[in-house]
C-alpha atoms as a PDB file:
ATOM      1  CA  MET A   1      17.605 -17.706  -7.983  1.00  0.00           C
ATOM      2  CA  SER A   2      18.515 -19.127 -11.401  1.00  0.00           C
ATOM      3  CA  THR A   3      19.613 -16.743 -14.068  1.00  0.00           C
ATOM      4  CA  ARG A   4      16.231 -17.293 -15.937  1.00  0.00           C
ATOM      5  CA  GLU A   5      14.495 -16.183 -12.759  1.00  0.00           C
ATOM      6  CA  GLU A   6      16.360 -13.300 -12.382  1.00  0.00           C
ATOM      7  CA  LYS A   7      15.586 -12.372 -16.377  1.00  0.00           C
ATOM      8  CA  LYS A   8      12.022 -12.920 -15.626  1.00  0.00           C
ATOM      9  CA  GLN A   9      11.735 -10.945 -12.584  1.00  0.00           C
ATOM     10  CA  ARG A  10      13.770  -8.053 -14.327  1.00  0.00           C
ATOM     11  CA  THR A  11      11.147  -8.221 -17.278  1.00  0.00           C
ATOM     12  CA  ARG A  12       8.339  -8.137 -15.153  1.00  0.00           C
ATOM     13  CA  GLN A  13       9.792  -4.919 -13.127  1.00  0.00           C
ATOM     14  CA  ALA A  14      10.274  -3.505 -16.553  1.00  0.00           C
ATOM     15  CA  ILE A  15       6.930  -3.808 -17.471  1.00  0.00           C
ATOM     16  CA  ILE A  16       5.471  -2.423 -14.205  1.00  0.00           C
ATOM     17  CA  GLN A  17       7.616   0.563 -14.540  1.00  0.00           C
ATOM     18  CA  ALA A  18       6.650   1.204 -18.022  1.00  0.00           C
ATOM     19  CA  ALA A  19       3.050   1.026 -16.714  1.00  0.00           C
ATOM     20  CA  ILE A  20       4.110   3.626 -14.159  1.00  0.00           C
ATOM     21  CA  ASN A  21       5.347   6.108 -16.776  1.00  0.00           C
ATOM     22  CA  LEU A  22       2.552   5.514 -19.391  1.00  0.00           C
ATOM     23  CA  PHE A  23      -0.390   5.462 -17.025  1.00  0.00           C
ATOM     24  CA  SER A  24       1.011   8.896 -15.401  1.00  0.00           C
ATOM     25  CA  ALA A  25       1.629  10.498 -18.679  1.00  0.00           C
ATOM     26  CA  ASN A  26      -1.313   9.477 -20.454  1.00  0.00           C
ATOM     27  CA  GLY A  27      -3.868   7.986 -18.123  1.00  0.00           C
ATOM     28  CA  PHE A  28      -4.953   4.370 -17.464  1.00  0.00           C
ATOM     29  CA  GLU A  29      -7.385   4.142 -19.971  1.00  0.00           C
ATOM     30  CA  ASN A  30      -5.476   5.883 -22.741  1.00  0.00           C
ATOM     31  CA  THR A  31      -2.310   3.577 -22.520  1.00  0.00           C
ATOM     32  CA  SER A  32      -2.347   0.494 -24.904  1.00  0.00           C
ATOM     33  CA  ILE A  33      -0.618  -2.551 -24.409  1.00  0.00           C
ATOM     34  CA  GLU A  34       1.635  -1.906 -27.621  1.00  0.00           C
ATOM     35  CA  GLU A  35       2.675   1.156 -25.806  1.00  0.00           C
ATOM     36  CA  LEU A  36       3.648  -0.678 -22.457  1.00  0.00           C
ATOM     37  CA  ALA A  37       5.469  -3.161 -24.961  1.00  0.00           C
ATOM     38  CA  LYS A  38       7.607  -0.574 -26.558  1.00  0.00           C
ATOM     39  CA  VAL A  39       8.696   1.253 -23.525  1.00  0.00           C
ATOM     40  CA  ALA A  40       9.203  -1.837 -21.594  1.00  0.00           C
ATOM     41  CA  GLY A  41      11.537  -3.011 -24.478  1.00  0.00           C
ATOM     42  CA  VAL A  42       9.582  -6.111 -25.020  1.00  0.00           C
ATOM     43  CA  GLY A  43       7.059  -7.758 -27.468  1.00  0.00           C
ATOM     44  CA  LYS A  44       3.424  -7.275 -27.196  1.00  0.00           C
ATOM     45  CA  GLY A  45       3.215 -10.947 -26.450  1.00  0.00           C
ATOM     46  CA  THR A  46       5.539 -10.940 -23.798  1.00  0.00           C
ATOM     47  CA  ILE A  47       3.428  -8.322 -21.971  1.00  0.00           C
ATOM     48  CA  TYR A  48       0.329 -10.960 -22.169  1.00  0.00           C
ATOM     49  CA  GLY A  49       2.722 -13.656 -20.688  1.00  0.00           C
ATOM     50  CA  TYR A  50       3.146 -11.857 -17.733  1.00  0.00           C
ATOM     51  CA  PHE A  51      -0.219  -9.871 -17.324  1.00  0.00           C
ATOM     52  CA  GLN A  52      -3.388 -10.629 -19.210  1.00  0.00           C
ATOM     53  CA  THR A  53      -4.964  -6.907 -18.494  1.00  0.00           C
ATOM     54  CA  LYS A  54      -3.957  -3.471 -17.544  1.00  0.00           C
ATOM     55  CA  LYS A  55      -5.589  -3.978 -14.081  1.00  0.00           C
ATOM     56  CA  GLU A  56      -3.333  -7.028 -13.532  1.00  0.00           C
ATOM     57  CA  ILE A  57      -0.270  -4.660 -13.691  1.00  0.00           C
ATOM     58  CA  LEU A  58      -1.974  -2.500 -10.989  1.00  0.00           C
ATOM     59  CA  ARG A  59      -2.530  -5.563  -8.764  1.00  0.00           C
ATOM     60  CA  ALA A  60       1.086  -6.670  -9.268  1.00  0.00           C
ATOM     61  CA  PHE A  61       2.376  -2.897  -8.287  1.00  0.00           C
ATOM     62  CA  CYS A  62      -0.279  -3.599  -5.028  1.00  0.00           C
ATOM     63  CA  GLU A  63       1.637  -7.075  -4.464  1.00  0.00           C
ATOM     64  CA  TYR A  64       5.099  -5.563  -4.832  1.00  0.00           C
ATOM     65  CA  ALA A  65       4.023  -2.854  -2.407  1.00  0.00           C
ATOM     66  CA  LEU A  66       3.200  -5.516   0.353  1.00  0.00           C
ATOM     67  CA  GLU A  67       6.701  -7.151  -0.300  1.00  0.00           C
ATOM     68  CA  GLN A  68       8.377  -3.874   0.504  1.00  0.00           C
ATOM     69  CA  ILE A  69       6.229  -3.275   3.475  1.00  0.00           C
ATOM     70  CA  HIS A  70       6.919  -6.876   4.781  1.00  0.00           C
ATOM     71  CA  LYS A  71      10.873  -5.951   4.197  1.00  0.00           C
ATOM     72  CA  ASP A  72      10.857  -2.705   6.036  1.00  0.00           C
ATOM     73  CA  LEU A  73       8.944  -4.512   8.990  1.00  0.00           C
ATOM     74  CA  VAL A  74      11.704  -7.129   9.256  1.00  0.00           C
ATOM     75  CA  SER A  75      14.199  -4.678   9.073  1.00  0.00           C
ATOM     76  CA  LYS A  76      13.044  -1.789  10.923  1.00  0.00           C
ATOM     77  CA  THR A  77      11.086  -3.422  13.674  1.00  0.00           C
ATOM     78  CA  ASN A  78      10.771  -6.272  15.570  1.00  0.00           C
ATOM     79  CA  PRO A  79       7.610  -8.588  16.410  1.00  0.00           C
ATOM     80  CA  GLU A  80       7.352  -7.280  19.843  1.00  0.00           C
ATOM     81  CA  ALA A  81       7.826  -3.471  18.710  1.00  0.00           C
ATOM     82  CA  PRO A  82       4.987  -1.062  20.235  1.00  0.00           C
ATOM     83  CA  ILE A  83       1.820  -1.460  17.953  1.00  0.00           C
ATOM     84  CA  LEU A  84       2.486   2.357  17.052  1.00  0.00           C
ATOM     85  CA  GLU A  85       5.877   1.708  15.889  1.00  0.00           C
ATOM     86  CA  GLN A  86       4.852  -1.274  13.457  1.00  0.00           C
ATOM     87  CA  MET A  87       1.795   0.820  11.979  1.00  0.00           C
ATOM     88  CA  LEU A  88       3.849   3.755  11.452  1.00  0.00           C
ATOM     89  CA  THR A  89       6.314   1.479   9.297  1.00  0.00           C
ATOM     90  CA  ILE A  90       3.619  -0.266   7.615  1.00  0.00           C
ATOM     91  CA  TYR A  91       1.916   3.239   6.278  1.00  0.00           C
ATOM     92  CA  MET A  92       4.964   5.260   5.744  1.00  0.00           C
ATOM     93  CA  THR A  93       6.500   2.370   3.482  1.00  0.00           C
ATOM     94  CA  GLU A  94       3.449   2.351   1.513  1.00  0.00           C
ATOM     95  CA  PHE A  95       3.086   6.020   1.453  1.00  0.00           C
ATOM     96  CA  ASN A  96       6.716   6.463  -0.044  1.00  0.00           C
ATOM     97  CA  HIS A  97       6.216   3.591  -2.333  1.00  0.00           C
ATOM     98  CA  VAL A  98       3.024   5.048  -3.851  1.00  0.00           C
ATOM     99  CA  THR A  99       4.008   8.657  -4.104  1.00  0.00           C
ATOM    100  CA  GLN A 100       7.167   7.738  -6.044  1.00  0.00           C
ATOM    101  CA  ASN A 101       5.279   8.923  -8.957  1.00  0.00           C
ATOM    102  CA  ARG A 102       2.838  11.422  -8.160  1.00  0.00           C
ATOM    103  CA  GLU A 103       0.144  10.742 -10.832  1.00  0.00           C
ATOM    104  CA  PHE A 104       0.624   7.145 -10.967  1.00  0.00           C
ATOM    105  CA  GLY A 105      -0.004   7.162  -6.977  1.00  0.00           C
ATOM    106  CA  ARG A 106      -3.448   9.057  -7.770  1.00  0.00           C
ATOM    107  CA  ILE A 107      -4.381   6.378 -10.089  1.00  0.00           C
ATOM    108  CA  PHE A 108      -3.458   3.392  -7.685  1.00  0.00           C
ATOM    109  CA  MET A 109      -5.190   4.864  -4.682  1.00  0.00           C
ATOM    110  CA  ARG A 110      -8.416   5.433  -7.046  1.00  0.00           C
ATOM    111  CA  GLN A 111      -8.181   1.633  -7.941  1.00  0.00           C
ATOM    112  CA  THR A 112      -7.548   0.904  -4.434  1.00  0.00           C
ATOM    113  CA  VAL A 113     -10.025   2.648  -2.525  1.00  0.00           C
ATOM    114  CA  PHE A 114     -12.666   2.593  -5.292  1.00  0.00           C
ATOM    115  CA  PRO A 115     -12.072  -0.786  -7.288  1.00  0.00           C
ATOM    116  CA  ASP A 116     -13.905  -1.569 -10.633  1.00  0.00           C
ATOM    117  CA  GLU A 117     -16.800  -3.877 -10.426  1.00  0.00           C
ATOM    118  CA  SER A 118     -14.902  -5.927 -12.926  1.00  0.00           C
ATOM    119  CA  ASP A 119     -11.927  -6.333 -10.541  1.00  0.00           C
ATOM    120  CA  VAL A 120     -13.653  -6.986  -7.137  1.00  0.00           C
ATOM    121  CA  LYS A 121     -12.144 -10.566  -6.971  1.00  0.00           C
ATOM    122  CA  GLY A 122      -8.603  -9.263  -7.718  1.00  0.00           C
ATOM    123  CA  HIS A 123      -9.016  -6.660  -4.940  1.00  0.00           C
ATOM    124  CA  ALA A 124     -10.447  -8.884  -2.589  1.00  0.00           C
ATOM    125  CA  GLU A 125      -7.313 -11.026  -2.986  1.00  0.00           C
ATOM    126  CA  ILE A 126      -4.886  -8.322  -2.566  1.00  0.00           C
ATOM    127  CA  GLU A 127      -7.016  -7.209   0.777  1.00  0.00           C
ATOM    128  CA  ASP A 128      -6.702 -10.715   2.136  1.00  0.00           C
ATOM    129  CA  LYS A 129      -2.871 -10.478   1.779  1.00  0.00           C
ATOM    130  CA  TYR A 130      -2.975  -7.072   3.557  1.00  0.00           C
ATOM    131  CA  PHE A 131      -4.839  -8.397   6.408  1.00  0.00           C
ATOM    132  CA  GLU A 132      -2.772 -11.656   6.735  1.00  0.00           C
ATOM    133  CA  LEU A 133       0.221  -8.679   7.182  1.00  0.00           C
ATOM    134  CA  LEU A 134      -1.673  -6.552   9.539  1.00  0.00           C
ATOM    135  CA  PHE A 135      -3.792  -9.520  11.814  1.00  0.00           C
ATOM    136  CA  PRO A 136      -0.871 -10.924  13.570  1.00  0.00           C
ATOM    137  CA  ILE A 137       0.509  -7.785  14.607  1.00  0.00           C
ATOM    138  CA  ILE A 138      -2.737  -6.475  15.980  1.00  0.00           C
ATOM    139  CA  GLU A 139      -3.428  -9.919  17.845  1.00  0.00           C
ATOM    140  CA  LYS A 140       0.211  -9.499  19.322  1.00  0.00           C
ATOM    141  CA  ALA A 141      -0.433  -5.938  20.540  1.00  0.00           C
ATOM    142  CA  LYS A 142      -3.784  -7.116  22.010  1.00  0.00           C
ATOM    143  CA  GLU A 143      -1.862  -9.961  23.860  1.00  0.00           C
ATOM    144  CA  ARG A 144       0.809  -7.138  25.369  1.00  0.00           C
ATOM    145  CA  GLY A 145      -2.415  -5.074  26.263  1.00  0.00           C
ATOM    146  CA  GLU A 146      -1.774  -2.263  23.931  1.00  0.00           C
ATOM    147  CA  LEU A 147      -5.274  -3.011  22.236  1.00  0.00           C
ATOM    148  CA  ARG A 148      -8.651  -3.624  23.411  1.00  0.00           C
ATOM    149  CA  LYS A 149      -9.390  -7.530  22.689  1.00  0.00           C
ATOM    150  CA  GLU A 150     -12.886  -7.368  22.176  1.00  0.00           C
ATOM    151  CA  ILE A 151     -12.515  -5.373  19.195  1.00  0.00           C
ATOM    152  CA  GLU A 152     -12.246  -7.041  15.762  1.00  0.00           C
ATOM    153  CA  PRO A 153      -8.982  -6.856  14.066  1.00  0.00           C
ATOM    154  CA  LEU A 154     -10.686  -5.724  10.754  1.00  0.00           C
ATOM    155  CA  HIS A 155     -12.218  -2.667  12.682  1.00  0.00           C
ATOM    156  CA  LEU A 156      -8.799  -1.790  14.134  1.00  0.00           C
ATOM    157  CA  THR A 157      -7.198  -2.171  10.644  1.00  0.00           C
ATOM    158  CA  ALA A 158      -9.916   0.184   9.254  1.00  0.00           C
ATOM    159  CA  HIS A 159      -8.824   2.862  11.842  1.00  0.00           C
ATOM    160  CA  PHE A 160      -5.468   2.949  10.735  1.00  0.00           C
ATOM    161  CA  TYR A 161      -6.098   2.656   6.835  1.00  0.00           C
ATOM    162  CA  SER A 162      -8.918   5.254   6.987  1.00  0.00           C
ATOM    163  CA  LEU A 163      -6.547   8.106   8.612  1.00  0.00           C
ATOM    164  CA  TYR A 164      -3.849   6.884   5.972  1.00  0.00           C
ATOM    165  CA  VAL A 165      -6.271   7.587   3.228  1.00  0.00           C
ATOM    166  CA  LEU A 166      -6.994  10.870   4.701  1.00  0.00           C
ATOM    167  CA  LEU A 167      -3.298  11.894   4.773  1.00  0.00           C
ATOM    168  CA  MET A 168      -2.903  10.932   1.374  1.00  0.00           C
ATOM    169  CA  SER A 169      -5.695  13.287   0.179  1.00  0.00           C
ATOM    170  CA  ALA A 170      -4.111  15.840   2.257  1.00  0.00           C
ATOM    171  CA  TRP A 171      -0.894  15.220   0.655  1.00  0.00           C
ATOM    172  CA  TYR A 172      -2.401  15.263  -2.801  1.00  0.00           C
ATOM    173  CA  SER A 173      -4.402  18.800  -1.944  1.00  0.00           C
ATOM    174  CA  GLY A 174      -1.145  20.244  -0.680  1.00  0.00           C
ATOM    175  CA  ARG A 175      -2.339  20.609   2.973  1.00  0.00           C
ATOM    176  CA  ILE A 176       0.656  18.460   4.224  1.00  0.00           C
ATOM    177  CA  PRO A 177       4.077  18.677   2.690  1.00  0.00           C
ATOM    178  CA  THR A 178       5.893  15.428   2.223  1.00  0.00           C
ATOM    179  CA  THR A 179       8.545  16.445   5.072  1.00  0.00           C
ATOM    180  CA  GLU A 180       5.503  16.639   7.645  1.00  0.00           C
ATOM    181  CA  VAL A 181       3.676  13.528   6.512  1.00  0.00           C
ATOM    182  CA  ASP A 182       5.482  11.116   9.026  1.00  0.00           C
ATOM    183  CA  SER A 183       5.011  13.465  12.204  1.00  0.00           C
ATOM    184  CA  ALA A 184       1.067  13.898  11.335  1.00  0.00           C
ATOM    185  CA  MET A 185       0.491  10.247  10.825  1.00  0.00           C
ATOM    186  CA  GLU A 186       2.360   9.671  14.019  1.00  0.00           C
ATOM    187  CA  LEU A 187       0.095  12.099  15.935  1.00  0.00           C
ATOM    188  CA  LEU A 188      -3.074  10.827  14.241  1.00  0.00           C
ATOM    189  CA  PHE A 189      -2.123   6.997  15.212  1.00  0.00           C
ATOM    190  CA  ARG A 190      -1.389   7.988  18.461  1.00  0.00           C
ATOM    191  CA  GLN A 191      -4.300   9.990  19.103  1.00  0.00           C
ATOM    192  CA  THR A 192      -6.593   6.744  18.004  1.00  0.00           C
ATOM    193  CA  LEU A 193      -4.548   4.553  20.253  1.00  0.00           C
ATOM    194  CA  GLU A 194      -5.000   6.964  23.208  1.00  0.00           C
ATOM    195  CA  GLY A 195      -8.630   7.670  22.478  1.00  0.00           C
ATOM    196  CA  LEU A 196      -9.961  10.998  21.785  1.00  0.00           C
ATOM    197  CA  GLN A 197     -12.105  11.148  25.119  1.00  0.00           C
ATOM    198  CA  PRO A 198     -10.526  13.556  27.999  1.00  0.00           C
ATOM    199  CA  THR A 199      -9.075  11.615  31.139  1.00  0.00           C
ATOM    200  CA  PRO A 200     -11.582  11.282  33.822  1.00  0.00           C
ATOM    201  CA  LEU A 201     -10.633  13.830  36.610  1.00  0.00           C
ATOM    202  CA  ASN A 202      -9.804  11.963  39.927  1.00  0.00           C
ATOM    203  CA  ILE A 203     -12.464  13.123  42.502  1.00  0.00           C
END
């Protein structure tokens, strides 16, 4: 990467970090572009050179989260690892990334789970990238016989994501401490993979 590209990446990250801090302290709607520029240490015009709206900054955070998830998958697992191990890596990485700042994480989750109508297209683009990451993992798990082949990848993704959102809610409400999130997630994911029905008795 050239020096110029490195500088651009640092500036972009500085803007995102300023947004995290300001959105957390003042709220999304009450944060102005002028404030973002001041905290990031750049001019207002520079902000618009990278992001046209504040929602684009949130989207950039989503994309960065996906990048971190992909890096963790590559470094911590291999493509043939059990589906449970890979799903735990994905969602624990996302949990750790999103909850670095409690209040920003709350804003992020609200925008992710309940996107504004004005940002439906941007939300769909992020979802597509998310599916591009998850679907190949699910298909390989099917080939290994870990998942039923007739279930659509989208539906299988929904099972894991809904449990992740449930755990995020429990963490925010204080029902689950940070130290227990990984074990709770593993238990719920394992129960989903094994099924909730009792094993038939051999007669």
